[in-house]
């Protein structure tokens, strides 16, 4: 498994744990007195923020996985093109390198 896949599994586990804890707290909320109710609601608010953060992390790692898959697809495509038409492949690679250098120089200016 790749890093982003491992991290997604960890995030899923953390997410399930947080959801289970929230369910447990909601169950305790029905039988709680006024002081406990305030504490439980505070804990639920904290869990809500944690769950939102986990969702954002998962979205980031999913995006990372998509980029990895696209890069792998492009690499496989270029490898196949090199076998069939080496001149065209080199031409495409040079163009991509120029675009990449242009993007890097724009990022450095910002």
N, C-alpha and C. Protein backbone atom coordinates (compact mmCIF):
# COMPACT_ATOMS: atom_id res chain seq x y z
N UNK A 1 0.83 -1.18 0.00
CA UNK A 1 0.00 0.00 0.00
C UNK A 1 0.87 1.25 0.00
N UNK A 2 0.38 2.27 -0.63
CA UNK A 2 1.11 3.52 -0.70
C UNK A 2 0.78 4.39 0.51
N UNK A 3 1.60 5.40 0.72
CA UNK A 3 1.46 6.26 1.90
C UNK A 3 0.05 6.83 2.02
N UNK A 4 -0.48 7.38 0.92
CA UNK A 4 -1.80 8.00 1.02
C UNK A 4 -2.88 6.97 1.35
N UNK A 5 -2.72 5.73 0.89
CA UNK A 5 -3.69 4.69 1.21
C UNK A 5 -3.59 4.30 2.68
N UNK A 6 -2.38 4.18 3.20
CA UNK A 6 -2.20 3.88 4.62
C UNK A 6 -2.83 4.97 5.48
N UNK A 7 -2.57 6.20 5.10
CA UNK A 7 -3.10 7.33 5.89
C UNK A 7 -4.62 7.36 5.83
N UNK A 8 -5.21 7.02 4.69
CA UNK A 8 -6.67 6.97 4.59
C UNK A 8 -7.27 5.91 5.52
N UNK A 9 -6.59 4.79 5.64
CA UNK A 9 -7.05 3.74 6.54
C UNK A 9 -7.00 4.23 7.98
N UNK A 10 -5.91 4.91 8.34
CA UNK A 10 -5.79 5.47 9.69
C UNK A 10 -6.89 6.51 9.95
N UNK A 11 -7.15 7.36 8.98
CA UNK A 11 -8.18 8.39 9.14
C UNK A 11 -9.55 7.74 9.29
N UNK A 12 -9.81 6.69 8.52
CA UNK A 12 -11.08 5.99 8.62
C UNK A 12 -11.27 5.41 10.02
N UNK A 13 -10.21 4.84 10.57
CA UNK A 13 -10.27 4.28 11.93
C UNK A 13 -10.55 5.38 12.94
N UNK A 14 -9.83 6.49 12.83
CA UNK A 14 -10.04 7.62 13.74
C UNK A 14 -11.47 8.15 13.62
N UNK A 15 -11.96 8.21 12.38
CA UNK A 15 -13.30 8.71 12.11
C UNK A 15 -14.35 7.80 12.76
N UNK A 16 -14.20 6.49 12.60
CA UNK A 16 -15.14 5.53 13.20
C UNK A 16 -15.11 5.63 14.72
N UNK A 17 -13.92 5.77 15.29
CA UNK A 17 -13.79 5.92 16.74
C UNK A 17 -14.51 7.18 17.23
N UNK A 18 -14.35 8.28 16.49
CA UNK A 18 -14.99 9.53 16.88
C UNK A 18 -16.51 9.42 16.78
N UNK A 19 -17.00 8.76 15.74
CA UNK A 19 -18.45 8.57 15.59
C UNK A 19 -18.99 7.70 16.73
N UNK A 20 -18.28 6.64 17.06
CA UNK A 20 -18.70 5.76 18.17
C UNK A 20 -18.75 6.54 19.49
N UNK A 21 -17.73 7.36 19.72
CA UNK A 21 -17.69 8.16 20.95
C UNK A 21 -18.85 9.16 20.98
N UNK A 22 -19.16 9.75 19.83
CA UNK A 22 -20.28 10.70 19.76
C UNK A 22 -21.60 9.98 20.07
N UNK A 23 -21.77 8.79 19.54
CA UNK A 23 -22.99 8.02 19.83
C UNK A 23 -23.09 7.70 21.32
N UNK A 24 -21.97 7.33 21.90
CA UNK A 24 -21.93 7.02 23.32
C UNK A 24 -22.29 8.26 24.15
N UNK A 25 -21.74 9.40 23.77
CA UNK A 25 -22.04 10.64 24.50
C UNK A 25 -23.51 11.03 24.35
N UNK A 26 -24.08 10.84 23.17
CA UNK A 26 -25.50 11.16 22.97
C UNK A 26 -26.37 10.25 23.82
N UNK A 27 -25.97 8.99 23.95
CA UNK A 27 -26.73 8.06 24.80
C UNK A 27 -26.65 8.50 26.26
N UNK A 28 -25.50 8.95 26.70
CA UNK A 28 -25.33 9.44 28.08
C UNK A 28 -26.11 10.73 28.31
N UNK A 29 -26.31 11.49 27.25
CA UNK A 29 -26.97 12.78 27.36
C UNK A 29 -28.42 12.64 27.83
N UNK A 30 -29.07 11.55 27.47
CA UNK A 30 -30.48 11.38 27.86
C UNK A 30 -30.66 11.21 29.36
N UNK A 31 -29.67 10.64 30.05
CA UNK A 31 -29.80 10.40 31.49
C UNK A 31 -28.95 11.34 32.34
N UNK A 32 -28.44 12.42 31.76
CA UNK A 32 -27.50 13.29 32.47
C UNK A 32 -28.23 14.43 33.18
N UNK A 33 -27.62 14.88 34.28
CA UNK A 33 -28.16 16.06 34.95
C UNK A 33 -27.64 17.32 34.24
N UNK A 34 -27.95 18.46 34.78
CA UNK A 34 -27.63 19.73 34.10
C UNK A 34 -26.14 19.94 33.90
N UNK A 35 -25.33 19.64 34.92
CA UNK A 35 -23.88 19.81 34.82
C UNK A 35 -23.29 18.85 33.80
N UNK A 36 -23.69 17.60 33.89
CA UNK A 36 -23.19 16.61 32.93
C UNK A 36 -23.62 16.95 31.50
N UNK A 37 -24.82 17.46 31.37
CA UNK A 37 -25.32 17.83 30.04
C UNK A 37 -24.41 18.87 29.39
N UNK A 38 -24.01 19.86 30.17
CA UNK A 38 -23.13 20.91 29.62
C UNK A 38 -21.78 20.32 29.21
N UNK A 39 -21.23 19.45 30.05
CA UNK A 39 -19.95 18.83 29.73
C UNK A 39 -20.05 17.93 28.49
N UNK A 40 -21.13 17.17 28.41
CA UNK A 40 -21.30 16.28 27.27
C UNK A 40 -21.48 17.09 25.98
N UNK A 41 -22.22 18.16 26.07
CA UNK A 41 -22.41 19.01 24.87
C UNK A 41 -21.07 19.62 24.44
N UNK A 42 -20.25 19.99 25.40
CA UNK A 42 -18.93 20.52 25.09
C UNK A 42 -18.08 19.45 24.40
N UNK A 43 -18.11 18.23 24.94
CA UNK A 43 -17.36 17.13 24.33
C UNK A 43 -17.87 16.85 22.91
N UNK A 44 -19.18 16.91 22.72
CA UNK A 44 -19.76 16.70 21.39
C UNK A 44 -19.30 17.78 20.41
N UNK A 45 -19.20 19.01 20.89
CA UNK A 45 -18.73 20.10 20.03
C UNK A 45 -17.28 19.87 19.61
N UNK A 46 -16.46 19.42 20.56
CA UNK A 46 -15.05 19.13 20.25
C UNK A 46 -14.97 17.98 19.24
N UNK A 47 -15.77 16.94 19.45
CA UNK A 47 -15.80 15.82 18.50
C UNK A 47 -16.23 16.26 17.12
N UNK A 48 -17.18 17.17 17.08
CA UNK A 48 -17.65 17.69 15.79
C UNK A 48 -16.51 18.35 15.02
N UNK A 49 -15.70 19.13 15.73
CA UNK A 49 -14.55 19.78 15.10
C UNK A 49 -13.53 18.74 14.65
N UNK A 50 -13.29 17.74 15.49
CA UNK A 50 -12.34 16.68 15.13
C UNK A 50 -12.81 15.92 13.90
N UNK A 51 -14.10 15.62 13.83
CA UNK A 51 -14.65 14.89 12.68
C UNK A 51 -14.51 15.72 11.41
N UNK A 52 -14.78 17.01 11.53
CA UNK A 52 -14.63 17.90 10.36
C UNK A 52 -13.17 17.91 9.88
N UNK A 53 -12.24 17.96 10.82
CA UNK A 53 -10.82 17.95 10.47
C UNK A 53 -10.44 16.62 9.81
N UNK A 54 -10.98 15.52 10.31
CA UNK A 54 -10.71 14.22 9.70
C UNK A 54 -11.25 14.15 8.27
N UNK A 55 -12.41 14.74 8.05
CA UNK A 55 -12.97 14.78 6.69
C UNK A 55 -12.06 15.56 5.75
N UNK A 56 -11.54 16.68 6.24
CA UNK A 56 -10.63 17.48 5.41
C UNK A 56 -9.34 16.73 5.11
N UNK A 57 -8.80 16.02 6.12
CA UNK A 57 -7.60 15.21 5.90
C UNK A 57 -7.87 14.14 4.86
N UNK A 58 -9.01 13.47 4.98
CA UNK A 58 -9.36 12.41 4.04
C UNK A 58 -9.47 12.97 2.62
N UNK A 59 -10.08 14.14 2.49
CA UNK A 59 -10.20 14.76 1.17
C UNK A 59 -8.82 15.06 0.59
N UNK A 60 -7.91 15.54 1.42
CA UNK A 60 -6.55 15.83 0.96
C UNK A 60 -5.86 14.56 0.46
N UNK A 61 -5.94 13.48 1.25
CA UNK A 61 -5.27 12.24 0.85
C UNK A 61 -5.94 11.58 -0.35
N UNK A 62 -7.25 11.77 -0.49
CA UNK A 62 -7.92 11.26 -1.69
C UNK A 62 -7.43 12.00 -2.93
N UNK A 63 -7.29 13.31 -2.80
CA UNK A 63 -6.78 14.12 -3.91
C UNK A 63 -5.35 13.69 -4.24
N UNK A 64 -4.55 13.46 -3.22
CA UNK A 64 -3.18 13.00 -3.42
C UNK A 64 -3.16 11.67 -4.17
N UNK A 65 -4.07 10.78 -3.81
CA UNK A 65 -4.17 9.49 -4.48
C UNK A 65 -4.55 9.64 -5.95
N UNK A 66 -5.48 10.58 -6.23
CA UNK A 66 -5.87 10.83 -7.63
C UNK A 66 -4.68 11.34 -8.43
N UNK A 67 -3.91 12.23 -7.83
CA UNK A 67 -2.74 12.76 -8.53
C UNK A 67 -1.72 11.66 -8.80
N UNK A 68 -1.55 10.79 -7.82
CA UNK A 68 -0.61 9.67 -7.99
C UNK A 68 -1.06 8.79 -9.15
N UNK A 69 -2.36 8.48 -9.19
CA UNK A 69 -2.88 7.62 -10.27
C UNK A 69 -2.72 8.29 -11.63
N UNK A 70 -2.96 9.60 -11.70
CA UNK A 70 -2.79 10.31 -12.97
C UNK A 70 -1.33 10.31 -13.39
N UNK A 71 -0.45 10.52 -12.45
CA UNK A 71 0.99 10.52 -12.78
C UNK A 71 1.41 9.14 -13.28
N UNK A 72 0.90 8.10 -12.64
CA UNK A 72 1.23 6.75 -13.07
C UNK A 72 0.69 6.48 -14.48
N UNK A 73 -0.53 6.94 -14.73
CA UNK A 73 -1.12 6.77 -16.05
C UNK A 73 -0.27 7.48 -17.11
N UNK A 74 0.11 8.73 -16.81
CA UNK A 74 0.92 9.49 -17.77
C UNK A 74 2.28 8.83 -18.00
N UNK A 75 2.88 8.34 -16.93
CA UNK A 75 4.17 7.66 -17.07
C UNK A 75 4.04 6.42 -17.96
N UNK A 76 2.98 5.64 -17.73
CA UNK A 76 2.75 4.45 -18.55
C UNK A 76 2.50 4.82 -20.00
N UNK A 77 1.75 5.90 -20.20
CA UNK A 77 1.46 6.36 -21.56
C UNK A 77 2.74 6.78 -22.27
N UNK A 78 3.59 7.55 -21.60
CA UNK A 78 4.85 8.00 -22.20
C UNK A 78 5.76 6.80 -22.49
N UNK A 79 5.80 5.84 -21.58
CA UNK A 79 6.63 4.64 -21.81
C UNK A 79 6.17 3.89 -23.05
N UNK A 80 4.87 3.76 -23.19
CA UNK A 80 4.34 3.07 -24.37
C UNK A 80 4.63 3.87 -25.64
N UNK A 81 4.47 5.18 -25.55
CA UNK A 81 4.74 6.04 -26.70
C UNK A 81 6.22 5.98 -27.08
N UNK A 82 7.10 5.89 -26.10
CA UNK A 82 8.54 5.78 -26.38
C UNK A 82 8.84 4.53 -27.21
N UNK A 83 8.16 3.46 -26.90
CA UNK A 83 8.38 2.22 -27.65
C UNK A 83 7.88 2.35 -29.09
N UNK A 84 6.74 3.04 -29.26
CA UNK A 84 6.12 3.11 -30.58
C UNK A 84 6.66 4.26 -31.42
N UNK A 85 6.87 5.42 -30.78
CA UNK A 85 7.31 6.59 -31.54
C UNK A 85 8.22 7.44 -30.64
N UNK A 86 9.51 7.11 -30.57
CA UNK A 86 10.43 7.78 -29.65
C UNK A 86 10.55 9.29 -29.89
N UNK A 87 10.52 9.72 -31.15
CA UNK A 87 10.65 11.16 -31.43
C UNK A 87 9.48 11.94 -30.88
N UNK A 88 8.28 11.44 -31.09
CA UNK A 88 7.09 12.12 -30.59
C UNK A 88 7.10 12.15 -29.06
N UNK A 89 7.50 11.06 -28.46
CA UNK A 89 7.57 11.00 -26.99
C UNK A 89 8.53 12.05 -26.44
N UNK A 90 9.69 12.18 -27.05
CA UNK A 90 10.67 13.17 -26.59
C UNK A 90 10.14 14.59 -26.77
N UNK A 91 9.43 14.81 -27.86
CA UNK A 91 8.85 16.13 -28.11
C UNK A 91 7.82 16.48 -27.02
N UNK A 92 6.98 15.52 -26.69
CA UNK A 92 5.97 15.74 -25.64
C UNK A 92 6.64 15.98 -24.30
N UNK A 93 7.66 15.21 -24.00
CA UNK A 93 8.38 15.37 -22.72
C UNK A 93 9.01 16.75 -22.62
N UNK A 94 9.61 17.23 -23.71
CA UNK A 94 10.20 18.58 -23.69
C UNK A 94 9.14 19.63 -23.42
N UNK A 95 7.98 19.50 -24.07
CA UNK A 95 6.89 20.47 -23.84
C UNK A 95 6.42 20.43 -22.39
N UNK A 96 6.27 19.24 -21.87
CA UNK A 96 5.84 19.11 -20.47
C UNK A 96 6.89 19.70 -19.52
N UNK A 97 8.16 19.48 -19.83
CA UNK A 97 9.22 20.06 -19.00
C UNK A 97 9.17 21.58 -19.03
N UNK A 98 8.92 22.16 -20.20
CA UNK A 98 8.82 23.62 -20.30
C UNK A 98 7.65 24.13 -19.47
N UNK A 99 6.50 23.46 -19.56
CA UNK A 99 5.34 23.87 -18.77
C UNK A 99 5.64 23.76 -17.27
N UNK A 100 6.32 22.67 -16.89
CA UNK A 100 6.66 22.47 -15.48
C UNK A 100 7.58 23.57 -14.99
N UNK A 101 8.59 23.91 -15.78
CA UNK A 101 9.52 24.97 -15.38
C UNK A 101 8.79 26.31 -15.26
N UNK A 102 7.86 26.55 -16.16
CA UNK A 102 7.09 27.79 -16.13
C UNK A 102 6.26 27.85 -14.84
N UNK A 103 5.61 26.74 -14.48
CA UNK A 103 4.81 26.70 -13.25
C UNK A 103 5.69 26.91 -12.02
N UNK A 104 6.86 26.30 -12.01
CA UNK A 104 7.77 26.45 -10.87
C UNK A 104 8.22 27.90 -10.72
N UNK A 105 8.52 28.57 -11.83
CA UNK A 105 8.98 29.95 -11.75
C UNK A 105 7.85 30.88 -11.29
N UNK A 106 6.61 30.59 -11.67
CA UNK A 106 5.48 31.40 -11.22
C UNK A 106 5.28 31.22 -9.72
N UNK A 107 5.40 30.00 -9.22
CA UNK A 107 5.25 29.75 -7.78
C UNK A 107 6.34 30.45 -6.98
N UNK A 108 7.56 30.49 -7.50
CA UNK A 108 8.66 31.15 -6.79
C UNK A 108 8.42 32.65 -6.68
N UNK A 109 7.81 33.25 -7.71
CA UNK A 109 7.55 34.69 -7.70
C UNK A 109 6.53 35.06 -6.64
N UNK A 110 5.57 34.16 -6.37
CA UNK A 110 4.52 34.46 -5.39
C UNK A 110 5.06 34.38 -4.03
